Amino acid sequence: MVETLTKLGTWTNVFGRRSKLVNEIADDLRALIIGLHPDTVEVPRKNDKSVSFGFGEKKMSEAYCYLMPQTGYVNLGVYWGAEIDDPNSLLEGTGKKLRHVKVRDTETALSAKIAHLVYMAMEERKASLDKSEKEKAKTAKAKKKPTAKKTPGVKKAVASKKPAAKKKPAVKRKTTKKEKT
């Protein structure tokens, strides 16, 4: 079941005042994403003018794609597009991570090529999040140090430390008229 988080905006905030074509493309892309990932977390972002989809609400770590309305088309953005296989060379952009596809019609929105791209983006995020969870668990396990066994009647030796000597602050003295000349 899709979980829509509305604390940052709503679908209407993002797509409400768009052309019929842009809304049809966005609706088809949304349906495609939900069909591939029924448990997706959908986060409309009014200030970004986009709606992200992913495994959680964090757009750069848990989300795998976003929809962003433009005049006459919808950008299907892939947050980690530079990391995924794009055999159909659909992705555009030169950024370090983000890539996008300009979806200009409903036929393209529902195509197998777009579905494959969304699936690859979803799988990349899933694998990355799984890897991250395993690394966190490994780090947490390494941080747990075994406790030393206590031997009855034996106290641990403590080295005595003398406090460091404090330096006296330098006192600035007044100069007399004779000293100045």
C-alpha atoms as a PDB file:
ATOM      1  CA  MET A   1       0.000   0.000   0.000  1.00  0.00           C
ATOM      2  CA  VAL A   2       1.407   3.394  -0.993  1.00  0.00           C
ATOM      3  CA  GLU A   3       2.299   5.666   1.894  1.00  0.00           C
ATOM      4  CA  THR A   4       1.922   9.336   0.982  1.00  0.00           C
ATOM      5  CA  LEU A   5       3.626  11.794   3.328  1.00  0.00           C
ATOM      6  CA  THR A   6       2.073  15.242   3.053  1.00  0.00           C
ATOM      7  CA  LYS A   7       4.083  17.279   5.546  1.00  0.00           C
ATOM      8  CA  LEU A   8       6.079  18.900   2.701  1.00  0.00           C
ATOM      9  CA  GLY A   9       3.211  19.268   0.245  1.00  0.00           C
ATOM     10  CA  THR A  10       0.547  17.431  -1.730  1.00  0.00           C
ATOM     11  CA  TRP A  11       0.227  16.014  -5.220  1.00  0.00           C
ATOM     12  CA  THR A  12      -2.070  18.950  -6.032  1.00  0.00           C
ATOM     13  CA  ASN A  13       0.567  21.456  -4.832  1.00  0.00           C
ATOM     14  CA  VAL A  14       2.967  20.014  -7.385  1.00  0.00           C
ATOM     15  CA  PHE A  15       0.723  19.056 -10.326  1.00  0.00           C
ATOM     16  CA  GLY A  16      -2.484  21.030  -9.670  1.00  0.00           C
ATOM     17  CA  ARG A  17      -2.000  23.884 -12.137  1.00  0.00           C
ATOM     18  CA  ARG A  18      -0.482  21.953 -15.017  1.00  0.00           C
ATOM     19  CA  SER A  19      -1.775  21.186 -18.479  1.00  0.00           C
ATOM     20  CA  LYS A  20      -3.976  18.177 -19.138  1.00  0.00           C
ATOM     21  CA  LEU A  21      -1.107  16.458 -20.980  1.00  0.00           C
ATOM     22  CA  VAL A  22       1.383  16.978 -18.125  1.00  0.00           C
ATOM     23  CA  ASN A  23      -1.143  15.649 -15.603  1.00  0.00           C
ATOM     24  CA  GLU A  24      -1.888  12.575 -17.748  1.00  0.00           C
ATOM     25  CA  ILE A  25       1.833  11.820 -18.118  1.00  0.00           C
ATOM     26  CA  ALA A  26       2.386  12.297 -14.368  1.00  0.00           C
ATOM     27  CA  ASP A  27      -0.596  10.084 -13.494  1.00  0.00           C
ATOM     28  CA  ASP A  28       0.666   7.339 -15.822  1.00  0.00           C
ATOM     29  CA  LEU A  29       4.206   7.523 -14.426  1.00  0.00           C
ATOM     30  CA  ARG A  30       2.840   7.431 -10.881  1.00  0.00           C
ATOM     31  CA  ALA A  31       0.736   4.362 -11.723  1.00  0.00           C
ATOM     32  CA  LEU A  32       3.787   2.681 -13.280  1.00  0.00           C
ATOM     33  CA  ILE A  33       5.930   3.361 -10.186  1.00  0.00           C
ATOM     34  CA  ILE A  34       3.228   2.108  -7.821  1.00  0.00           C
ATOM     35  CA  GLY A  35       2.738  -0.977 -10.017  1.00  0.00           C
ATOM     36  CA  LEU A  36       6.438  -1.802  -9.702  1.00  0.00           C
ATOM     37  CA  HIS A  37       6.647  -0.906  -6.005  1.00  0.00           C
ATOM     38  CA  PRO A  38       3.237  -1.079  -4.278  1.00  0.00           C
ATOM     39  CA  ASP A  39       4.783  -0.207  -0.879  1.00  0.00           C
ATOM     40  CA  THR A  40       6.484   2.936  -2.143  1.00  0.00           C
ATOM     41  CA  VAL A  41       6.721   6.016   0.029  1.00  0.00           C
ATOM     42  CA  GLU A  42       5.470   8.993  -1.966  1.00  0.00           C
ATOM     43  CA  VAL A  43       6.625  12.439  -0.828  1.00  0.00           C
ATOM     44  CA  PRO A  44       5.213  15.490  -2.601  1.00  0.00           C
ATOM     45  CA  ARG A  45       7.658  18.375  -2.143  1.00  0.00           C
ATOM     46  CA  LYS A  46       5.934  21.698  -2.779  1.00  0.00           C
ATOM     47  CA  ASN A  47       9.143  23.772  -2.539  1.00  0.00           C
ATOM     48  CA  ASP A  48      11.047  21.447  -4.885  1.00  0.00           C
ATOM     49  CA  LYS A  49       8.030  21.251  -7.240  1.00  0.00           C
ATOM     50  CA  SER A  50       8.451  17.487  -7.352  1.00  0.00           C
ATOM     51  CA  VAL A  51       7.128  14.223  -5.957  1.00  0.00           C
ATOM     52  CA  SER A  52       9.680  11.618  -4.870  1.00  0.00           C
ATOM     53  CA  PHE A  53       9.187   7.858  -4.579  1.00  0.00           C
ATOM     54  CA  GLY A  54      11.258   5.464  -2.523  1.00  0.00           C
ATOM     55  CA  PHE A  55      11.737   3.303   0.546  1.00  0.00           C
ATOM     56  CA  GLY A  56      11.491   6.257   2.948  1.00  0.00           C
ATOM     57  CA  GLU A  57      11.089  10.009   2.997  1.00  0.00           C
ATOM     58  CA  LYS A  58      14.763  11.014   2.646  1.00  0.00           C
ATOM     59  CA  LYS A  59      15.130  12.062  -0.954  1.00  0.00           C
ATOM     60  CA  MET A  60      18.871  11.539  -1.494  1.00  0.00           C
ATOM     61  CA  SER A  61      19.271   8.328   0.455  1.00  0.00           C
ATOM     62  CA  GLU A  62      15.936   6.479   0.511  1.00  0.00           C
ATOM     63  CA  ALA A  63      14.186   7.710  -2.651  1.00  0.00           C
ATOM     64  CA  TYR A  64      14.998   6.305  -6.063  1.00  0.00           C
ATOM     65  CA  CYS A  65      13.067   8.588  -8.418  1.00  0.00           C
ATOM     66  CA  TYR A  66      10.983  11.738  -8.677  1.00  0.00           C
ATOM     67  CA  LEU A  67       8.459  13.367 -10.983  1.00  0.00           C
ATOM     68  CA  MET A  68       8.853  17.052 -11.773  1.00  0.00           C
ATOM     69  CA  PRO A  69       6.387  18.907 -13.988  1.00  0.00           C
ATOM     70  CA  GLN A  70       7.705  21.071 -16.809  1.00  0.00           C
ATOM     71  CA  THR A  71       5.963  22.956 -19.595  1.00  0.00           C
ATOM     72  CA  GLY A  72       4.722  20.240 -21.952  1.00  0.00           C
ATOM     73  CA  TYR A  73       6.446  17.253 -20.315  1.00  0.00           C
ATOM     74  CA  VAL A  74       7.371  15.586 -17.015  1.00  0.00           C
ATOM     75  CA  ASN A  75      10.905  14.967 -15.856  1.00  0.00           C
ATOM     76  CA  LEU A  76      11.303  11.466 -14.483  1.00  0.00           C
ATOM     77  CA  GLY A  77      14.375  11.946 -12.354  1.00  0.00           C
ATOM     78  CA  VAL A  78      16.556   9.207 -10.943  1.00  0.00           C
ATOM     79  CA  TYR A  79      18.436  10.235  -7.806  1.00  0.00           C
ATOM     80  CA  TRP A  80      21.286   7.775  -8.377  1.00  0.00           C
ATOM     81  CA  GLY A  81      20.973   7.630 -12.162  1.00  0.00           C
ATOM     82  CA  ALA A  82      24.717   7.743 -12.696  1.00  0.00           C
ATOM     83  CA  GLU A  83      24.964   4.414 -10.839  1.00  0.00           C
ATOM     84  CA  ILE A  84      22.455   2.371 -12.837  1.00  0.00           C
ATOM     85  CA  ASP A  85      22.591   0.499 -16.111  1.00  0.00           C
ATOM     86  CA  ASP A  86      20.791   2.404 -18.885  1.00  0.00           C
ATOM     87  CA  PRO A  87      20.901   0.096 -21.945  1.00  0.00           C
ATOM     88  CA  ASN A  88      18.425   2.281 -23.867  1.00  0.00           C
ATOM     89  CA  SER A  89      20.395   5.502 -23.211  1.00  0.00           C
ATOM     90  CA  LEU A  90      17.314   7.282 -21.903  1.00  0.00           C
ATOM     91  CA  LEU A  91      18.969   9.186 -19.073  1.00  0.00           C
ATOM     92  CA  GLU A  92      20.172  12.739 -19.578  1.00  0.00           C
ATOM     93  CA  GLY A  93      22.377  14.887 -17.388  1.00  0.00           C
ATOM     94  CA  THR A  94      25.980  15.209 -16.362  1.00  0.00           C
ATOM     95  CA  GLY A  95      25.670  15.526 -12.600  1.00  0.00           C
ATOM     96  CA  LYS A  96      27.603  13.381 -10.159  1.00  0.00           C
ATOM     97  CA  LYS A  97      24.494  11.348  -9.217  1.00  0.00           C
ATOM     98  CA  LEU A  98      21.225  12.624 -10.698  1.00  0.00           C
ATOM     99  CA  ARG A  99      19.911  11.840 -14.152  1.00  0.00           C
ATOM    100  CA  HIS A 100      16.499  12.402 -15.758  1.00  0.00           C
ATOM    101  CA  VAL A 101      14.291  11.512 -18.700  1.00  0.00           C
ATOM    102  CA  LYS A 102      11.994  14.029 -20.371  1.00  0.00           C
ATOM    103  CA  VAL A 103       8.721  12.125 -20.762  1.00  0.00           C
ATOM    104  CA  ARG A 104       6.680  13.950 -23.412  1.00  0.00           C
ATOM    105  CA  ASP A 105       3.706  11.595 -23.926  1.00  0.00           C
ATOM    106  CA  THR A 106       1.655   8.924 -22.173  1.00  0.00           C
ATOM    107  CA  GLU A 107       2.862   6.197 -24.533  1.00  0.00           C
ATOM    108  CA  THR A 108       6.460   6.768 -23.396  1.00  0.00           C
ATOM    109  CA  ALA A 109       5.338   7.001 -19.766  1.00  0.00           C
ATOM    110  CA  LEU A 110       3.915   3.485 -19.915  1.00  0.00           C
ATOM    111  CA  SER A 111       6.694   1.964 -22.062  1.00  0.00           C
ATOM    112  CA  ALA A 112       8.757  -1.052 -21.099  1.00  0.00           C
ATOM    113  CA  LYS A 113      11.929   1.064 -21.367  1.00  0.00           C
ATOM    114  CA  ILE A 114      10.704   3.496 -18.703  1.00  0.00           C
ATOM    115  CA  ALA A 115       9.470   0.611 -16.542  1.00  0.00           C
ATOM    116  CA  HIS A 116      12.912  -1.012 -16.764  1.00  0.00           C
ATOM    117  CA  LEU A 117      14.598   2.263 -15.827  1.00  0.00           C
ATOM    118  CA  VAL A 118      12.379   2.741 -12.757  1.00  0.00           C
ATOM    119  CA  TYR A 119      12.926  -0.897 -11.767  1.00  0.00           C
ATOM    120  CA  MET A 120      16.713  -0.505 -12.050  1.00  0.00           C
ATOM    121  CA  ALA A 121      16.586   2.691  -9.966  1.00  0.00           C
ATOM    122  CA  MET A 122      14.498   0.921  -7.329  1.00  0.00           C
ATOM    123  CA  GLU A 123      16.861  -2.062  -7.204  1.00  0.00           C
ATOM    124  CA  GLU A 124      19.917   0.195  -6.892  1.00  0.00           C
ATOM    125  CA  ARG A 125      18.429   1.995  -3.855  1.00  0.00           C
ATOM    126  CA  LYS A 126      17.279  -1.274  -2.310  1.00  0.00           C
ATOM    127  CA  ALA A 127      20.774  -2.779  -2.635  1.00  0.00           C
ATOM    128  CA  SER A 128      22.400   0.401  -1.321  1.00  0.00           C
ATOM    129  CA  LEU A 129      20.084   0.570   1.700  1.00  0.00           C
ATOM    130  CA  ASP A 130      20.618  -3.148   2.441  1.00  0.00           C
ATOM    131  CA  LYS A 131      24.389  -2.647   2.256  1.00  0.00           C
ATOM    132  CA  SER A 132      24.141   0.396   4.509  1.00  0.00           C
ATOM    133  CA  GLU A 133      22.139  -1.559   7.103  1.00  0.00           C
ATOM    134  CA  LYS A 134      24.689  -4.392   7.083  1.00  0.00           C
ATOM    135  CA  GLU A 135      27.552  -1.910   7.553  1.00  0.00           C
ATOM    136  CA  LYS A 136      25.737  -0.231  10.450  1.00  0.00           C
ATOM    137  CA  ALA A 137      25.173  -3.592  12.122  1.00  0.00           C
ATOM    138  CA  LYS A 138      28.822  -4.551  11.602  1.00  0.00           C
ATOM    139  CA  THR A 139      30.022  -1.209  13.033  1.00  0.00           C
ATOM    140  CA  ALA A 140      27.709  -1.501  16.029  1.00  0.00           C
ATOM    141  CA  LYS A 141      28.998  -5.015  16.712  1.00  0.00           C
ATOM    142  CA  ALA A 142      32.621  -3.832  16.481  1.00  0.00           C
ATOM    143  CA  LYS A 143      31.963  -0.981  18.906  1.00  0.00           C
ATOM    144  CA  LYS A 144      30.796  -3.386  21.613  1.00  0.00           C
ATOM    145  CA  LYS A 145      33.910  -4.199  23.607  1.00  0.00           C
ATOM    146  CA  PRO A 146      34.015  -7.230  25.862  1.00  0.00           C
ATOM    147  CA  THR A 147      33.943  -6.294  29.532  1.00  0.00           C
ATOM    148  CA  ALA A 148      36.932  -7.282  31.671  1.00  0.00           C
ATOM    149  CA  LYS A 149      36.324 -10.012  34.216  1.00  0.00           C
ATOM    150  CA  LYS A 150      36.666  -8.887  37.796  1.00  0.00           C
ATOM    151  CA  THR A 151      38.850 -10.904  40.108  1.00  0.00           C
ATOM    152  CA  PRO A 152      37.542 -10.901  43.684  1.00  0.00           C
ATOM    153  CA  GLY A 153      39.819  -9.100  46.160  1.00  0.00           C
ATOM    154  CA  VAL A 154      42.045  -7.529  43.481  1.00  0.00           C
ATOM    155  CA  LYS A 155      41.851  -3.814  42.882  1.00  0.00           C
ATOM    156  CA  LYS A 156      43.017  -2.159  39.708  1.00  0.00           C
ATOM    157  CA  ALA A 157      46.167  -0.071  40.203  1.00  0.00           C
ATOM    158  CA  VAL A 158      45.611   3.624  39.513  1.00  0.00           C
ATOM    159  CA  ALA A 159      48.556   5.806  38.597  1.00  0.00           C
ATOM    160  CA  SER A 160      48.589   9.042  40.524  1.00  0.00           C
ATOM    161  CA  LYS A 161      48.914  12.162  38.478  1.00  0.00           C
ATOM    162  CA  LYS A 162      50.076  15.508  39.743  1.00  0.00           C
ATOM    163  CA  PRO A 163      48.158  18.461  38.426  1.00  0.00           C
ATOM    164  CA  ALA A 164      50.115  20.525  35.933  1.00  0.00           C
ATOM    165  CA  ALA A 165      51.651  23.707  37.338  1.00  0.00           C
ATOM    166  CA  LYS A 166      49.690  26.771  36.382  1.00  0.00           C
ATOM    167  CA  LYS A 167      51.519  29.577  34.648  1.00  0.00           C
ATOM    168  CA  LYS A 168      51.046  33.001  36.097  1.00  0.00           C
ATOM    169  CA  PRO A 169      49.608  35.468  33.616  1.00  0.00           C
ATOM    170  CA  ALA A 170      52.054  38.113  32.464  1.00  0.00           C
ATOM    171  CA  VAL A 171      51.433  41.453  34.145  1.00  0.00           C
ATOM    172  CA  LYS A 172      51.724  44.468  31.949  1.00  0.00           C
ATOM    173  CA  ARG A 173      53.372  47.333  33.812  1.00  0.00           C
ATOM    174  CA  LYS A 174      53.037  50.969  33.090  1.00  0.00           C
ATOM    175  CA  THR A 175      55.950  52.715  31.470  1.00  0.00           C
ATOM    176  CA  THR A 176      57.211  55.983  32.919  1.00  0.00           C
ATOM    177  CA  LYS A 177      58.063  59.131  30.969  1.00  0.00           C
ATOM    178  CA  LYS A 178      61.819  58.466  31.471  1.00  0.00           C
ATOM    179  CA  GLU A 179      61.550  54.980  29.957  1.00  0.00           C
ATOM    180  CA  LYS A 180      59.694  56.275  26.905  1.00  0.00           C
ATOM    181  CA  THR A 181      62.482  58.730  25.938  1.00  0.00           C
END
